[in-house]
Each structure stands twice: as structure tokens, then as C-alpha cells.
Amino acid sequence: MTAPLIRLATVDDVPLLCALGAATFRETYREISDPREVDDYADEHFTPERVAAWFRKPCACTLLAVAAGAPVGYAHLRHARVPACVADRKAIELSRLYLLGTAQGTGLGSAMMAAVLAQAAGLEARTVWLGAYDRNLRALAFYARHGFVRVGTHKFEFGGRTHADPVLTRPVVLTP
């Protein structure tokens, strides 16, 4: 069996990232949100135009995880407006980190987080922040295991409503 690979995605990966993004979003949220709202969000946010835009942003990168020759996860880091609750005004956002259910519990999530932190360090960030859905308990536990702490909330539009999602941060400290 081939070891999983985590690599920088390129614009050539846009079709793959669209499919993977929609699939992981649906898997993650269908059980904890209205399935129609989940489908609407996935259909709107994982289009070729939207995903291709990730690659046009300065100071951003997308990682792709491949296991047994198939894409199983991705992460996207970007400079974005930092919520007021984040003390480091130059923090970088981990806007997405998703794995297919079949890849969860294999250690690949931890490997993805290590790769994310390495990329954040390469982008000269000292802090990583993210917003997480408060009902996504599995993700919140994962982030806590990786040193993220809650510092406040920020607004997230989903299903025609504004939610106050927890904001988590952690320093960019690479462990040997």
C-alpha cells in the first residue's frame, strides 16, 4: 500500500477540488444540518469559478491529500479579514480542512495539520485562526487536540441565517 501524500494543489486540481469539496462538505454537515441547505451551500461554493479563485489570491495555498491514488482531503490557508477576537491582526485563516470519512481516524488529519502549520510558517504567519460550526463536535475536538483554543465568535452565513461560529486560534509553532 502506498503511503498517503500531501502536496500543494495547483489550478489543474480545480475539478478534483470541486468534487472533493462538495463531497466532504456534504458528508460533514448532512447529519447536523438541513440536508437541502447543505446541498445548496455545496452547489454554490464548490464551483470551478469559486475554487479557481483560491489560486488567484496572494498569500494563500491549498493542500491536497491523496491516499491509495485517490484524493481524500484538502486544506486551504489564506489571508482574510481577521475577526476582532483574534489578538494577532496578521493571523492567517485556515478556511477549510476536510477529509472524507474513509480517511478519518487514520492519522492523515494530523499529518494535514502539520502540513498546514508548515505552510503557515512559510507564509510568515505567527498565528492560525479558524471558524468552526459549534455543532461539529468532531472537528472541535480535533482542533483542541492540535492546540487550538476558543477566543470568541464570528458571523457565518449558512442556510439564509447568520450563525455565531466559534473562532479558534493557535500559534504557528512547528514541533520536531
Foldseek 3Di string as FASTA:
>chain_A
DDDKDKDWDDLVCLVVCLVQVLQQQLVQPVVPDPSVLSNVCSVPQSDSVNSSVLRVAPLKTKMWIADPRHTFWMWIKAADQDDPLDPPRRAIEREDTTGHPVCPPVCVSVVRVLVVLVSCVVSVHFKYKYFDAPVSVVVVVVVVVVPWDWRFFDWDDTPNDTDTTTMIMDTSDHDD
